[in-house]
C-alpha atoms as a PDB file:
ATOM      1  CA  MET A   1      -8.122   4.025  22.950  1.00  0.00           C
ATOM      2  CA  ASN A   2     -10.171   6.526  20.998  1.00  0.00           C
ATOM      3  CA  ARG A   3      -8.078   6.513  17.801  1.00  0.00           C
ATOM      4  CA  LEU A   4      -7.198   3.784  15.361  1.00  0.00           C
ATOM      5  CA  ASP A   5      -3.722   2.642  16.406  1.00  0.00           C
ATOM      6  CA  PHE A   6      -1.342   0.447  14.414  1.00  0.00           C
ATOM      7  CA  SER A   7       0.123  -0.814  17.702  1.00  0.00           C
ATOM      8  CA  GLU A   8      -2.805  -3.264  17.720  1.00  0.00           C
ATOM      9  CA  LEU A   9      -1.035  -5.023  14.838  1.00  0.00           C
ATOM     10  CA  THR A  10       1.709  -7.285  16.135  1.00  0.00           C
ATOM     11  CA  ASP A  11       3.999  -7.420  13.105  1.00  0.00           C
ATOM     12  CA  GLY A  12       4.663  -6.471   9.500  1.00  0.00           C
ATOM     13  CA  ARG A  13       2.991  -9.576   8.083  1.00  0.00           C
ATOM     14  CA  ILE A  14      -0.320  -8.534   9.661  1.00  0.00           C
ATOM     15  CA  PHE A  15       0.178  -5.000   8.286  1.00  0.00           C
ATOM     16  CA  GLU A  16       0.598  -6.541   4.814  1.00  0.00           C
ATOM     17  CA  ASN A  17      -2.527  -8.681   5.339  1.00  0.00           C
ATOM     18  CA  LEU A  18      -4.440  -5.550   6.367  1.00  0.00           C
ATOM     19  CA  THR A  19      -3.239  -3.833   3.187  1.00  0.00           C
ATOM     20  CA  CYS A  20      -4.375  -6.764   1.006  1.00  0.00           C
ATOM     21  CA  SER A  21      -7.743  -6.830   2.777  1.00  0.00           C
ATOM     22  CA  PHE A  22      -8.106  -3.059   2.402  1.00  0.00           C
ATOM     23  CA  PHE A  23      -7.597  -3.134  -1.359  1.00  0.00           C
ATOM     24  CA  TYR A  24      -9.938  -6.071  -1.746  1.00  0.00           C
ATOM     25  CA  GLU A  25     -12.653  -4.294   0.269  1.00  0.00           C
ATOM     26  CA  GLU A  26     -12.013  -0.970  -1.482  1.00  0.00           C
ATOM     27  CA  LEU A  27     -12.010  -2.295  -5.040  1.00  0.00           C
ATOM     28  CA  ALA A  28     -13.970  -5.557  -5.263  1.00  0.00           C
ATOM     29  CA  HIS A  29     -17.380  -3.866  -5.560  1.00  0.00           C
ATOM     30  CA  ILE A  30     -16.267  -1.479  -8.347  1.00  0.00           C
ATOM     31  CA  GLN A  31     -13.681  -3.687 -10.097  1.00  0.00           C
ATOM     32  CA  PRO A  32     -15.035  -7.207 -10.588  1.00  0.00           C
ATOM     33  CA  ASN A  33     -11.623  -8.477 -11.653  1.00  0.00           C
ATOM     34  CA  VAL A  34      -9.113  -7.594  -8.956  1.00  0.00           C
ATOM     35  CA  ARG A  35      -6.043  -9.699  -8.270  1.00  0.00           C
ATOM     36  CA  ILE A  36      -4.074  -9.148  -5.079  1.00  0.00           C
ATOM     37  CA  ILE A  37      -0.887 -11.159  -5.032  1.00  0.00           C
ATOM     38  CA  PRO A  38       1.151 -11.116  -1.796  1.00  0.00           C
ATOM     39  CA  SER A  39       4.872 -11.835  -2.157  1.00  0.00           C
ATOM     40  CA  GLY A  40       4.930 -14.440   0.589  1.00  0.00           C
ATOM     41  CA  ILE A  41       7.400 -14.934   3.411  1.00  0.00           C
ATOM     42  CA  GLY A  42      11.057 -13.976   2.964  1.00  0.00           C
ATOM     43  CA  PRO A  43      12.953 -11.333   1.001  1.00  0.00           C
ATOM     44  CA  ASP A  44      10.595  -9.652  -1.441  1.00  0.00           C
ATOM     45  CA  GLY A  45      12.915  -7.407  -3.463  1.00  0.00           C
ATOM     46  CA  GLY A  46      10.866  -4.294  -2.716  1.00  0.00           C
ATOM     47  CA  ARG A  47       7.407  -5.677  -3.390  1.00  0.00           C
ATOM     48  CA  ASP A  48       5.079  -7.021  -0.746  1.00  0.00           C
ATOM     49  CA  ILE A  49       1.967  -7.024  -2.916  1.00  0.00           C
ATOM     50  CA  ILE A  50       1.124  -6.852  -6.594  1.00  0.00           C
ATOM     51  CA  LEU A  51      -2.284  -5.311  -7.232  1.00  0.00           C
ATOM     52  CA  GLU A  52      -3.875  -5.871 -10.640  1.00  0.00           C
ATOM     53  CA  THR A  53      -7.114  -4.224 -11.692  1.00  0.00           C
ATOM     54  CA  TYR A  54      -8.903  -4.490 -15.012  1.00  0.00           C
ATOM     55  CA  PRO A  55     -10.877  -1.288 -15.591  1.00  0.00           C
ATOM     56  CA  PHE A  56     -13.163  -0.933 -18.597  1.00  0.00           C
ATOM     57  CA  ASP A  57     -12.961   2.407 -20.423  1.00  0.00           C
ATOM     58  CA  GLY A  58     -16.064   1.894 -22.539  1.00  0.00           C
ATOM     59  CA  ILE A  59     -14.137   0.278 -25.376  1.00  0.00           C
ATOM     60  CA  ALA A  60     -11.778  -2.262 -23.848  1.00  0.00           C
ATOM     61  CA  ILE A  61     -10.467  -3.660 -20.587  1.00  0.00           C
ATOM     62  CA  HIS A  62      -6.963  -2.476 -19.673  1.00  0.00           C
ATOM     63  CA  MET A  63      -4.913  -4.083 -16.919  1.00  0.00           C
ATOM     64  CA  LYS A  64      -3.394  -1.709 -14.358  1.00  0.00           C
ATOM     65  CA  LYS A  65      -0.682  -3.081 -12.105  1.00  0.00           C
ATOM     66  CA  TRP A  66       0.738  -1.568  -8.919  1.00  0.00           C
ATOM     67  CA  ILE A  67       3.655  -2.762  -6.839  1.00  0.00           C
ATOM     68  CA  ILE A  68       2.909  -2.127  -3.165  1.00  0.00           C
ATOM     69  CA  GLN A  69       5.555  -2.031  -0.454  1.00  0.00           C
ATOM     70  CA  CYS A  70       4.491  -1.962   3.210  1.00  0.00           C
ATOM     71  CA  LYS A  71       6.810  -0.536   5.872  1.00  0.00           C
ATOM     72  CA  PHE A  72       5.677  -1.480   9.372  1.00  0.00           C
ATOM     73  CA  SER A  73       8.367   0.464  11.202  1.00  0.00           C
ATOM     74  CA  ALA A  74       6.964   3.067  13.593  1.00  0.00           C
ATOM     75  CA  LYS A  75       9.991   5.228  12.819  1.00  0.00           C
ATOM     76  CA  THR A  76      10.102   7.844  10.099  1.00  0.00           C
ATOM     77  CA  ILE A  77      10.845   6.244   6.709  1.00  0.00           C
ATOM     78  CA  SER A  78      13.755   7.755   4.770  1.00  0.00           C
ATOM     79  CA  PRO A  79      15.319   7.079   1.345  1.00  0.00           C
ATOM     80  CA  SER A  80      18.081   4.961   2.894  1.00  0.00           C
ATOM     81  CA  GLY A  81      15.574   2.119   3.199  1.00  0.00           C
ATOM     82  CA  PHE A  82      15.117   2.069  -0.577  1.00  0.00           C
ATOM     83  CA  TYR A  83      18.593   2.292  -2.043  1.00  0.00           C
ATOM     84  CA  ASP A  84      18.775  -1.488  -2.252  1.00  0.00           C
ATOM     85  CA  ASP A  85      15.507  -1.576  -4.151  1.00  0.00           C
ATOM     86  CA  ASN A  86      15.764   0.059  -7.549  1.00  0.00           C
ATOM     87  CA  ILE A  87      12.117   1.000  -7.838  1.00  0.00           C
ATOM     88  CA  PRO A  88      12.078   2.027 -11.531  1.00  0.00           C
ATOM     89  CA  ASN A  89      13.744  -1.288 -12.473  1.00  0.00           C
ATOM     90  CA  LEU A  90      11.265  -3.159 -10.287  1.00  0.00           C
ATOM     91  CA  LEU A  91       8.357  -1.513 -12.136  1.00  0.00           C
ATOM     92  CA  HIS A  92       9.953  -2.334 -15.483  1.00  0.00           C
ATOM     93  CA  GLU A  93      10.593  -5.941 -14.446  1.00  0.00           C
ATOM     94  CA  HIS A  94       6.925  -6.425 -13.496  1.00  0.00           C
ATOM     95  CA  ASN A  95       5.533  -4.208 -16.271  1.00  0.00           C
ATOM     96  CA  ALA A  96       3.769  -2.209 -13.556  1.00  0.00           C
ATOM     97  CA  ASP A  97       2.066   1.158 -13.830  1.00  0.00           C
ATOM     98  CA  GLY A  98       2.978   2.397 -10.382  1.00  0.00           C
ATOM     99  CA  TYR A  99       4.622   1.923  -7.024  1.00  0.00           C
ATOM    100  CA  LEU A 100       2.844   2.598  -3.743  1.00  0.00           C
ATOM    101  CA  LEU A 101       4.691   2.739  -0.432  1.00  0.00           C
ATOM    102  CA  ILE A 102       2.414   2.409   2.597  1.00  0.00           C
ATOM    103  CA  CYS A 103       4.087   3.409   5.852  1.00  0.00           C
ATOM    104  CA  ARG A 104       3.005   2.777   9.405  1.00  0.00           C
ATOM    105  CA  GLY A 105       4.851   5.962  10.331  1.00  0.00           C
ATOM    106  CA  ASN A 106       5.676   8.968   8.204  1.00  0.00           C
ATOM    107  CA  PRO A 107       7.977   9.415   5.221  1.00  0.00           C
ATOM    108  CA  THR A 108      10.695  12.043   5.421  1.00  0.00           C
ATOM    109  CA  ALA A 109      10.529  15.076   3.148  1.00  0.00           C
ATOM    110  CA  LYS A 110      13.618  13.705   1.387  1.00  0.00           C
ATOM    111  CA  LEU A 111      11.826  10.431   0.578  1.00  0.00           C
ATOM    112  CA  THR A 112       8.746  12.285  -0.661  1.00  0.00           C
ATOM    113  CA  GLN A 113      10.955  14.441  -2.893  1.00  0.00           C
ATOM    114  CA  SER A 114      12.713  11.326  -4.190  1.00  0.00           C
ATOM    115  CA  PHE A 115       9.357   9.817  -5.211  1.00  0.00           C
ATOM    116  CA  GLU A 116       8.309  13.082  -6.857  1.00  0.00           C
ATOM    117  CA  ARG A 117      11.563  13.144  -8.861  1.00  0.00           C
ATOM    118  CA  MET A 118      11.124   9.534  -9.987  1.00  0.00           C
ATOM    119  CA  GLU A 119       7.600  10.289 -11.204  1.00  0.00           C
ATOM    120  CA  ASN A 120       8.544  13.568 -12.897  1.00  0.00           C
ATOM    121  CA  ASN A 121      11.529  11.972 -14.664  1.00  0.00           C
ATOM    122  CA  CYS A 122       9.767   8.774 -15.710  1.00  0.00           C
ATOM    123  CA  ARG A 123       9.592   8.363 -19.491  1.00  0.00           C
ATOM    124  CA  HIS A 124       6.882   5.705 -19.128  1.00  0.00           C
ATOM    125  CA  SER A 125       4.356   7.782 -17.116  1.00  0.00           C
ATOM    126  CA  ARG A 126       4.612   5.477 -14.119  1.00  0.00           C
ATOM    127  CA  LYS A 127       3.257   6.708 -10.788  1.00  0.00           C
ATOM    128  CA  TYR A 128       5.185   6.810  -7.494  1.00  0.00           C
ATOM    129  CA  ARG A 129       3.040   7.339  -4.400  1.00  0.00           C
ATOM    130  CA  ILE A 130       3.461   7.272  -0.634  1.00  0.00           C
ATOM    131  CA  TRP A 131       0.721   6.880   1.960  1.00  0.00           C
ATOM    132  CA  SER A 132       1.634   7.903   5.490  1.00  0.00           C
ATOM    133  CA  GLY A 133       0.245   5.876   8.363  1.00  0.00           C
ATOM    134  CA  GLU A 134      -2.211   8.646   9.211  1.00  0.00           C
ATOM    135  CA  PHE A 135      -3.511   8.760   5.635  1.00  0.00           C
ATOM    136  CA  PHE A 136      -3.875   4.959   5.528  1.00  0.00           C
ATOM    137  CA  LYS A 137      -5.852   5.084   8.782  1.00  0.00           C
ATOM    138  CA  THR A 138      -8.312   7.561   7.254  1.00  0.00           C
ATOM    139  CA  MET A 139      -8.787   5.170   4.348  1.00  0.00           C
ATOM    140  CA  ILE A 140      -9.360   2.207   6.694  1.00  0.00           C
ATOM    141  CA  LEU A 141     -11.954   4.075   8.765  1.00  0.00           C
ATOM    142  CA  GLY A 142     -14.506   3.587   5.996  1.00  0.00           C
ATOM    143  CA  HIS A 143     -14.334  -0.206   6.375  1.00  0.00           C
ATOM    144  CA  GLU A 144     -15.949  -1.487   9.561  1.00  0.00           C
ATOM    145  CA  LYS A 145     -15.178  -5.112   8.680  1.00  0.00           C
ATOM    146  CA  LEU A 146     -11.441  -4.328   8.588  1.00  0.00           C
ATOM    147  CA  ILE A 147     -11.626  -2.401  11.849  1.00  0.00           C
ATOM    148  CA  ARG A 148     -13.399  -5.285  13.563  1.00  0.00           C
ATOM    149  CA  GLN A 149     -10.858  -7.804  12.251  1.00  0.00           C
ATOM    150  CA  TYR A 150      -7.571  -5.912  12.646  1.00  0.00           C
ATOM    151  CA  PHE A 151      -8.326  -3.357  15.398  1.00  0.00           C
ATOM    152  CA  PRO A 152     -10.544  -5.162  17.938  1.00  0.00           C
ATOM    153  CA  GLU A 153      -9.650  -2.872  20.870  1.00  0.00           C
ATOM    154  CA  TYR A 154     -10.629   0.207  18.874  1.00  0.00           C
ATOM    155  CA  TYR A 155     -13.735  -1.491  17.488  1.00  0.00           C
ATOM    156  CA  PHE A 156     -15.072  -2.581  20.883  1.00  0.00           C
ATOM    157  CA  LYS A 157     -14.265   0.753  22.573  1.00  0.00           C
ATOM    158  CA  LYS A 158     -16.016   2.566  19.720  1.00  0.00           C
ATOM    159  CA  SER A 159     -19.040   0.259  20.070  1.00  0.00           C
ATOM    160  CA  GLU A 160     -19.493   0.921  23.801  1.00  0.00           C
END
């Protein structure tokens, strides 16, 4: 195994844990006040994680909140998986600034276009983003601790 492979993760819960760990590792050193709130086990209504950061702009601290949804399916992710989750209402309900979908696989062009439309038509300047599995892997590669913990086969092969 010479590439990072999500098949080392056994289920969606571990994928969500990886995502929480990634954001903690990515942000904790630059954002002293980061809150990562997993939804827990069971139906989550379109949100697996709530990420809160408190950046300082030189005058005041402003909370930024993202709703993060993780899709562990290795299949291509299409809009049909989101019709039950009204994402703009979800953002309004949580007073969130954005929605991030992190896929193990790849989003369809139709899903990407749907997210672009939601962002372009949003009156509240909310952000709608999708990370493909390949993009998420490139982000993870900068964090050896995460690789060691979540991808032991890759880590030990790489270390040989």
